[in-house]
Amino acid sequence: MTATIKKWGNSLAVRLPKTLARENQLREGAQVELVRTGAGLLLKPAPRKRYRLSELVARITPKNRHAETDWGRSEGREIVP
């Protein structure tokens, strides 16, 4: 299978055929790694960062914290203090 490299702004881009993208579970916006190998260039899905809850909670600051939201009165058997 071949593809053509095109200019995209100041960069170069290659379009992936839909079947090839689907087979490799790539979608628009997906992050990929470009790896230089002895045979050429390898494009592969980038590993997804797995976050721990403690890491996410550690990033909470007074500046990025939102206020409480009033969703109205209780409906059903919710326990509201």
PDB file of N, CA and C in Angstrom:
ATOM      1  N   MET A   1       0.860  -1.169   0.000  1.00  0.00           N
ATOM      2  CA  MET A   1       0.000   0.000   0.000  1.00  0.00           C
ATOM      3  C   MET A   1       0.906   1.232   0.000  1.00  0.00           C
ATOM      4  N   THR A   2       0.564   2.221  -0.775  1.00  0.00           N
ATOM      5  CA  THR A   2       1.346   3.448  -0.819  1.00  0.00           C
ATOM      6  C   THR A   2       0.468   4.639  -0.478  1.00  0.00           C
ATOM      7  N   ALA A   3       1.099   5.715  -0.074  1.00  0.00           N
ATOM      8  CA  ALA A   3       0.407   6.966   0.224  1.00  0.00           C
ATOM      9  C   ALA A   3       1.290   8.105  -0.257  1.00  0.00           C
ATOM     10  N   THR A   4       0.716   9.275  -0.404  1.00  0.00           N
ATOM     11  CA  THR A   4       1.451  10.442  -0.867  1.00  0.00           C
ATOM     12  C   THR A   4       1.595  11.448   0.260  1.00  0.00           C
ATOM     13  N   ILE A   5       2.790  11.967   0.410  1.00  0.00           N
ATOM     14  CA  ILE A   5       3.033  12.993   1.425  1.00  0.00           C
ATOM     15  C   ILE A   5       2.618  14.337   0.838  1.00  0.00           C
ATOM     16  N   LYS A   6       1.847  15.104   1.610  1.00  0.00           N
ATOM     17  CA  LYS A   6       1.350  16.410   1.177  1.00  0.00           C
ATOM     18  C   LYS A   6       1.813  17.476   2.162  1.00  0.00           C
ATOM     19  N   LYS A   7       1.827  18.710   1.706  1.00  0.00           N
ATOM     20  CA  LYS A   7       2.164  19.837   2.576  1.00  0.00           C
ATOM     21  C   LYS A   7       0.917  20.223   3.378  1.00  0.00           C
ATOM     22  N   TRP A   8       1.101  20.477   4.668  1.00  0.00           N
ATOM     23  CA  TRP A   8       0.005  20.896   5.536  1.00  0.00           C
ATOM     24  C   TRP A   8       0.554  22.032   6.398  1.00  0.00           C
ATOM     25  N   GLY A   9       0.295  23.257   6.001  1.00  0.00           N
ATOM     26  CA  GLY A   9       0.894  24.410   6.676  1.00  0.00           C
ATOM     27  C   GLY A   9       2.392  24.384   6.433  1.00  0.00           C
ATOM     28  N   ASN A  10       3.183  24.449   7.509  1.00  0.00           N
ATOM     29  CA  ASN A  10       4.641  24.363   7.393  1.00  0.00           C
ATOM     30  C   ASN A  10       5.149  22.947   7.591  1.00  0.00           C
ATOM     31  N   SER A  11       4.239  21.981   7.705  1.00  0.00           N
ATOM     32  CA  SER A  11       4.608  20.598   7.966  1.00  0.00           C
ATOM     33  C   SER A  11       4.256  19.724   6.778  1.00  0.00           C
ATOM     34  N   LEU A  12       4.603  18.460   6.896  1.00  0.00           N
ATOM     35  CA  LEU A  12       4.218  17.461   5.902  1.00  0.00           C
ATOM     36  C   LEU A  12       3.240  16.503   6.557  1.00  0.00           C
ATOM     37  N   ALA A  13       2.341  15.954   5.770  1.00  0.00           N
ATOM     38  CA  ALA A  13       1.329  15.050   6.309  1.00  0.00           C
ATOM     39  C   ALA A  13       1.119  13.886   5.361  1.00  0.00           C
ATOM     40  N   VAL A  14       0.698  12.775   5.892  1.00  0.00           N
ATOM     41  CA  VAL A  14       0.330  11.615   5.090  1.00  0.00           C
ATOM     42  C   VAL A  14      -1.069  11.194   5.521  1.00  0.00           C
ATOM     43  N   ARG A  15      -1.917  10.901   4.564  1.00  0.00           N
ATOM     44  CA  ARG A  15      -3.284  10.474   4.874  1.00  0.00           C
ATOM     45  C   ARG A  15      -3.325   8.955   4.940  1.00  0.00           C
ATOM     46  N   LEU A  16      -3.967   8.448   5.977  1.00  0.00           N
ATOM     47  CA  LEU A  16      -4.095   6.999   6.137  1.00  0.00           C
ATOM     48  C   LEU A  16      -5.421   6.544   5.542  1.00  0.00           C
ATOM     49  N   PRO A  17      -5.397   5.499   4.731  1.00  0.00           N
ATOM     50  CA  PRO A  17      -6.667   4.971   4.223  1.00  0.00           C
ATOM     51  C   PRO A  17      -7.546   4.507   5.384  1.00  0.00           C
ATOM     52  N   LYS A  18      -8.843   4.654   5.210  1.00  0.00           N
ATOM     53  CA  LYS A  18      -9.810   4.347   6.264  1.00  0.00           C
ATOM     54  C   LYS A  18      -9.656   2.922   6.785  1.00  0.00           C
ATOM     55  N   THR A  19      -9.488   1.961   5.884  1.00  0.00           N
ATOM     56  CA  THR A  19      -9.376   0.562   6.326  1.00  0.00           C
ATOM     57  C   THR A  19      -8.136   0.351   7.184  1.00  0.00           C
ATOM     58  N   LEU A  20      -7.023   0.965   6.790  1.00  0.00           N
ATOM     59  CA  LEU A  20      -5.795   0.828   7.563  1.00  0.00           C
ATOM     60  C   LEU A  20      -5.936   1.478   8.937  1.00  0.00           C
ATOM     61  N   ALA A  21      -6.564   2.659   8.981  1.00  0.00           N
ATOM     62  CA  ALA A  21      -6.785   3.340  10.261  1.00  0.00           C
ATOM     63  C   ALA A  21      -7.690   2.503  11.160  1.00  0.00           C
ATOM     64  N   ARG A  22      -8.764   1.959  10.586  1.00  0.00           N
ATOM     65  CA  ARG A  22      -9.704   1.151  11.376  1.00  0.00           C
ATOM     66  C   ARG A  22      -9.018  -0.110  11.905  1.00  0.00           C
ATOM     67  N   GLU A  23      -8.239  -0.780  11.069  1.00  0.00           N
ATOM     68  CA  GLU A  23      -7.538  -1.997  11.489  1.00  0.00           C
ATOM     69  C   GLU A  23      -6.592  -1.732  12.659  1.00  0.00           C
ATOM     70  N   ASN A  24      -6.054  -0.515  12.716  1.00  0.00           N
ATOM     71  CA  ASN A  24      -5.105  -0.167  13.769  1.00  0.00           C
ATOM     72  C   ASN A  24      -5.726   0.683  14.870  1.00  0.00           C
ATOM     73  N   GLN A  25      -7.049   0.756  14.865  1.00  0.00           N
ATOM     74  CA  GLN A  25      -7.822   1.467  15.886  1.00  0.00           C
ATOM     75  C   GLN A  25      -7.365   2.915  16.044  1.00  0.00           C
ATOM     76  N   LEU A  26      -7.148   3.586  14.898  1.00  0.00           N
ATOM     77  CA  LEU A  26      -6.768   4.995  14.901  1.00  0.00           C
ATOM     78  C   LEU A  26      -7.956   5.834  14.493  1.00  0.00           C
ATOM     79  N   ARG A  27      -8.181   6.909  15.214  1.00  0.00           N
ATOM     80  CA  ARG A  27      -9.273   7.835  14.912  1.00  0.00           C
ATOM     81  C   ARG A  27      -8.709   9.241  14.840  1.00  0.00           C
ATOM     82  N   GLU A  28      -9.497  10.161  14.333  1.00  0.00           N
ATOM     83  CA  GLU A  28      -9.080  11.551  14.278  1.00  0.00           C
ATOM     84  C   GLU A  28      -8.734  12.025  15.686  1.00  0.00           C
ATOM     85  N   GLY A  29      -7.613  12.685  15.824  1.00  0.00           N
ATOM     86  CA  GLY A  29      -7.172  13.184  17.122  1.00  0.00           C
ATOM     87  C   GLY A  29      -6.341  12.195  17.914  1.00  0.00           C
ATOM     88  N   ALA A  30      -6.208  10.957  17.420  1.00  0.00           N
ATOM     89  CA  ALA A  30      -5.424   9.949  18.140  1.00  0.00           C
ATOM     90  C   ALA A  30      -3.959  10.359  18.170  1.00  0.00           C
ATOM     91  N   GLN A  31      -3.299  10.114  19.279  1.00  0.00           N
ATOM     92  CA  GLN A  31      -1.873  10.391  19.412  1.00  0.00           C
ATOM     93  C   GLN A  31      -1.093   9.195  18.879  1.00  0.00           C
ATOM     94  N   VAL A  32      -0.040   9.448  18.104  1.00  0.00           N
ATOM     95  CA  VAL A  32       0.807   8.383  17.581  1.00  0.00           C
ATOM     96  C   VAL A  32       2.260   8.704  17.877  1.00  0.00           C
ATOM     97  N   GLU A  33       3.082   7.657  17.930  1.00  0.00           N
ATOM     98  CA  GLU A  33       4.518   7.810  18.107  1.00  0.00           C
ATOM     99  C   GLU A  33       5.175   7.611  16.756  1.00  0.00           C
ATOM    100  N   LEU A  34       6.161   8.431  16.452  1.00  0.00           N
ATOM    101  CA  LEU A  34       6.971   8.265  15.252  1.00  0.00           C
ATOM    102  C   LEU A  34       8.331   7.763  15.703  1.00  0.00           C
ATOM    103  N   VAL A  35       8.730   6.590  15.210  1.00  0.00           N
ATOM    104  CA  VAL A  35       9.968   5.955  15.640  1.00  0.00           C
ATOM    105  C   VAL A  35      10.868   5.739  14.431  1.00  0.00           C
ATOM    106  N   ARG A  36      12.083   6.241  14.517  1.00  0.00           N
ATOM    107  CA  ARG A  36      13.061   6.011  13.465  1.00  0.00           C
ATOM    108  C   ARG A  36      13.634   4.613  13.653  1.00  0.00           C
ATOM    109  N   THR A  37      13.588   3.781  12.617  1.00  0.00           N
ATOM    110  CA  THR A  37      14.133   2.424  12.679  1.00  0.00           C
ATOM    111  C   THR A  37      15.169   2.260  11.573  1.00  0.00           C
ATOM    112  N   GLY A  38      15.871   1.145  11.591  1.00  0.00           N
ATOM    113  CA  GLY A  38      16.840   0.869  10.536  1.00  0.00           C
ATOM    114  C   GLY A  38      16.183   0.737   9.177  1.00  0.00           C
ATOM    115  N   ALA A  39      14.907   0.334   9.159  1.00  0.00           N
ATOM    116  CA  ALA A  39      14.179   0.139   7.908  1.00  0.00           C
ATOM    117  C   ALA A  39      13.462   1.403   7.448  1.00  0.00           C
ATOM    118  N   GLY A  40      13.382   2.419   8.302  1.00  0.00           N
ATOM    119  CA  GLY A  40      12.680   3.642   7.918  1.00  0.00           C
ATOM    120  C   GLY A  40      11.965   4.271   9.086  1.00  0.00           C
ATOM    121  N   LEU A  41      10.707   4.608   8.878  1.00  0.00           N
ATOM    122  CA  LEU A  41       9.906   5.296   9.874  1.00  0.00           C
ATOM    123  C   LEU A  41       8.742   4.410  10.289  1.00  0.00           C
ATOM    124  N   LEU A  42       8.540   4.250  11.589  1.00  0.00           N
ATOM    125  CA  LEU A  42       7.447   3.448  12.121  1.00  0.00           C
ATOM    126  C   LEU A  42       6.462   4.367  12.816  1.00  0.00           C
ATOM    127  N   LEU A  43       5.207   4.261  12.483  1.00  0.00           N
ATOM    128  CA  LEU A  43       4.138   5.032  13.120  1.00  0.00           C
ATOM    129  C   LEU A  43       3.314   4.037  13.922  1.00  0.00           C
ATOM    130  N   LYS A  44       3.157   4.296  15.223  1.00  0.00           N
ATOM    131  CA  LYS A  44       2.375   3.380  16.059  1.00  0.00           C
ATOM    132  C   LYS A  44       1.565   4.164  17.071  1.00  0.00           C
ATOM    133  N   PRO A  45       0.446   3.605  17.521  1.00  0.00           N
ATOM    134  CA  PRO A  45      -0.364   4.307  18.523  1.00  0.00           C
ATOM    135  C   PRO A  45       0.477   4.616  19.760  1.00  0.00           C
ATOM    136  N   ALA A  46       0.345   5.819  20.267  1.00  0.00           N
ATOM    137  CA  ALA A  46       1.072   6.212  21.480  1.00  0.00           C
ATOM    138  C   ALA A  46       0.422   5.550  22.680  1.00  0.00           C
ATOM    139  N   PRO A  47       1.217   5.117  23.644  1.00  0.00           N
ATOM    140  CA  PRO A  47       0.620   4.528  24.842  1.00  0.00           C
ATOM    141  C   PRO A  47      -0.191   5.587  25.583  1.00  0.00           C
ATOM    142  N   ARG A  48      -1.344   5.187  26.055  1.00  0.00           N
ATOM    143  CA  ARG A  48      -2.204   6.112  26.796  1.00  0.00           C
ATOM    144  C   ARG A  48      -1.741   6.191  28.231  1.00  0.00           C
ATOM    145  N   LYS A  49      -1.649   7.409  28.739  1.00  0.00           N
ATOM    146  CA  LYS A  49      -1.262   7.624  30.133  1.00  0.00           C
ATOM    147  C   LYS A  49      -2.383   7.140  31.037  1.00  0.00           C
ATOM    148  N   ARG A  50      -2.053   6.304  31.987  1.00  0.00           N
ATOM    149  CA  ARG A  50      -3.019   5.829  32.976  1.00  0.00           C
ATOM    150  C   ARG A  50      -2.826   6.656  34.238  1.00  0.00           C
ATOM    151  N   TYR A  51      -3.870   7.352  34.645  1.00  0.00           N
ATOM    152  CA  TYR A  51      -3.797   8.207  35.819  1.00  0.00           C
ATOM    153  C   TYR A  51      -4.310   7.477  37.046  1.00  0.00           C
ATOM    154  N   ARG A  52      -3.709   7.770  38.176  1.00  0.00           N
ATOM    155  CA  ARG A  52      -4.209   7.302  39.458  1.00  0.00           C
ATOM    156  C   ARG A  52      -5.063   8.422  40.040  1.00  0.00           C
ATOM    157  N   LEU A  53      -6.082   8.042  40.792  1.00  0.00           N
ATOM    158  CA  LEU A  53      -6.946   9.032  41.416  1.00  0.00           C
ATOM    159  C   LEU A  53      -6.137   9.995  42.276  1.00  0.00           C
ATOM    160  N   SER A  54      -5.159   9.483  42.988  1.00  0.00           N
ATOM    161  CA  SER A  54      -4.341  10.345  43.849  1.00  0.00           C
ATOM    162  C   SER A  54      -3.585  11.400  43.027  1.00  0.00           C
ATOM    163  N   GLU A  55      -3.144  11.051  41.809  1.00  0.00           N
ATOM    164  CA  GLU A  55      -2.462  12.022  40.943  1.00  0.00           C
ATOM    165  C   GLU A  55      -3.423  13.132  40.515  1.00  0.00           C
ATOM    166  N   LEU A  56      -4.644  12.752  40.179  1.00  0.00           N
ATOM    167  CA  LEU A  56      -5.623  13.736  39.744  1.00  0.00           C
ATOM    168  C   LEU A  56      -6.044  14.647  40.887  1.00  0.00           C
ATOM    169  N   VAL A  57      -6.264  14.071  42.059  1.00  0.00           N
ATOM    170  CA  VAL A  57      -6.675  14.863  43.225  1.00  0.00           C
ATOM    171  C   VAL A  57      -5.555  15.826  43.621  1.00  0.00           C
ATOM    172  N   ALA A  58      -4.305  15.403  43.468  1.00  0.00           N
ATOM    173  CA  ALA A  58      -3.177  16.262  43.824  1.00  0.00           C
ATOM    174  C   ALA A  58      -3.127  17.518  42.961  1.00  0.00           C
ATOM    175  N   ARG A  59      -3.745  17.477  41.786  1.00  0.00           N
ATOM    176  CA  ARG A  59      -3.738  18.638  40.892  1.00  0.00           C
ATOM    177  C   ARG A  59      -4.858  19.640  41.191  1.00  0.00           C
ATOM    178  N   ILE A  60      -5.732  19.329  42.139  1.00  0.00           N
ATOM    179  CA  ILE A  60      -6.826  20.247  42.474  1.00  0.00           C
ATOM    180  C   ILE A  60      -6.259  21.419  43.253  1.00  0.00           C
ATOM    181  N   THR A  61      -6.602  22.610  42.809  1.00  0.00           N
ATOM    182  CA  THR A  61      -6.168  23.832  43.490  1.00  0.00           C
ATOM    183  C   THR A  61      -7.401  24.705  43.716  1.00  0.00           C
ATOM    184  N   PRO A  62      -7.320  25.695  44.594  1.00  0.00           N
ATOM    185  CA  PRO A  62      -8.459  26.599  44.766  1.00  0.00           C
ATOM    186  C   PRO A  62      -8.844  27.291  43.455  1.00  0.00           C
ATOM    187  N   LYS A  63      -7.862  27.506  42.578  1.00  0.00           N
ATOM    188  CA  LYS A  63      -8.123  28.206  41.323  1.00  0.00           C
ATOM    189  C   LYS A  63      -8.931  27.350  40.324  1.00  0.00           C
ATOM    190  N   ASN A  64      -8.690  26.026  40.282  1.00  0.00           N
ATOM    191  CA  ASN A  64      -9.398  25.190  39.302  1.00  0.00           C
ATOM    192  C   ASN A  64     -10.580  24.420  39.902  1.00  0.00           C
ATOM    193  N   ARG A  65     -10.935  24.747  41.118  1.00  0.00           N
ATOM    194  CA  ARG A  65     -12.073  24.111  41.780  1.00  0.00           C
ATOM    195  C   ARG A  65     -13.352  24.865  41.473  1.00  0.00           C
ATOM    196  N   HIS A  66     -14.421  24.156  41.188  1.00  0.00           N
ATOM    197  CA  HIS A  66     -15.679  24.836  40.884  1.00  0.00           C
ATOM    198  C   HIS A  66     -16.597  24.848  42.099  1.00  0.00           C
ATOM    199  N   ALA A  67     -17.559  25.743  42.061  1.00  0.00           N
ATOM    200  CA  ALA A  67     -18.508  25.861  43.169  1.00  0.00           C
ATOM    201  C   ALA A  67     -19.541  24.735  43.089  1.00  0.00           C
ATOM    202  N   GLU A  68     -20.263  24.560  44.164  1.00  0.00           N
ATOM    203  CA  GLU A  68     -21.340  23.570  44.177  1.00  0.00           C
ATOM    204  C   GLU A  68     -22.422  23.965  43.195  1.00  0.00           C
ATOM    205  N   THR A  69     -23.130  22.967  42.693  1.00  0.00           N
ATOM    206  CA  THR A  69     -24.234  23.211  41.764  1.00  0.00           C
ATOM    207  C   THR A  69     -25.530  22.750  42.409  1.00  0.00           C
ATOM    208  N   ASP A  70     -26.540  23.584  42.389  1.00  0.00           N
ATOM    209  CA  ASP A  70     -27.845  23.228  42.936  1.00  0.00           C
ATOM    210  C   ASP A  70     -28.656  22.542  41.841  1.00  0.00           C
ATOM    211  N   TRP A  71     -28.996  21.294  42.057  1.00  0.00           N
ATOM    212  CA  TRP A  71     -29.756  20.525  41.071  1.00  0.00           C
ATOM    213  C   TRP A  71     -31.245  20.481  41.421  1.00  0.00           C
ATOM    214  N   GLY A  72     -31.676  21.271  42.374  1.00  0.00           N
ATOM    215  CA  GLY A  72     -33.084  21.285  42.754  1.00  0.00           C
ATOM    216  C   GLY A  72     -33.351  20.375  43.937  1.00  0.00           C
ATOM    217  N   ARG A  73     -34.627  20.221  44.234  1.00  0.00           N
ATOM    218  CA  ARG A  73     -34.973  19.405  45.409  1.00  0.00           C
ATOM    219  C   ARG A  73     -34.807  17.920  45.102  1.00  0.00           C
ATOM    220  N   SER A  74     -34.756  17.119  46.163  1.00  0.00           N
ATOM    221  CA  SER A  74     -34.577  15.686  46.018  1.00  0.00           C
ATOM    222  C   SER A  74     -35.772  15.051  45.339  1.00  0.00           C
ATOM    223  N   GLU A  75     -35.497  14.044  44.536  1.00  0.00           N
ATOM    224  CA  GLU A  75     -36.538  13.250  43.877  1.00  0.00           C
ATOM    225  C   GLU A  75     -36.273  11.818  44.266  1.00  0.00           C
ATOM    226  N   GLY A  76     -37.197  11.137  44.873  1.00  0.00           N
ATOM    227  CA  GLY A  76     -36.971   9.745  45.250  1.00  0.00           C
ATOM    228  C   GLY A  76     -36.419   9.613  46.641  1.00  0.00           C
ATOM    229  N   ARG A  77     -35.486   8.641  46.815  1.00  0.00           N
ATOM    230  CA  ARG A  77     -34.999   8.322  48.154  1.00  0.00           C
ATOM    231  C   ARG A  77     -33.539   8.716  48.353  1.00  0.00           C
ATOM    232  N   GLU A  78     -33.083   9.818  47.761  1.00  0.00           N
ATOM    233  CA  GLU A  78     -31.712  10.275  47.977  1.00  0.00           C
ATOM    234  C   GLU A  78     -31.546  10.689  49.430  1.00  0.00           C
ATOM    235  N   ILE A  79     -30.354  10.528  49.924  1.00  0.00           N
ATOM    236  CA  ILE A  79     -30.048  11.005  51.272  1.00  0.00           C
ATOM    237  C   ILE A  79     -29.316  12.326  51.099  1.00  0.00           C
ATOM    238  N   VAL A  80     -29.956  13.398  51.493  1.00  0.00           N
ATOM    239  CA  VAL A  80     -29.356  14.730  51.371  1.00  0.00           C
ATOM    240  C   VAL A  80     -29.159  15.286  52.761  1.00  0.00           C
ATOM    241  N   PRO A  81     -27.912  15.534  53.170  1.00  0.00           N
ATOM    242  CA  PRO A  81     -27.666  16.046  54.528  1.00  0.00           C
ATOM    243  C   PRO A  81     -28.128  17.485  54.655  1.00  0.00           C
TER     244      PRO A  81
END
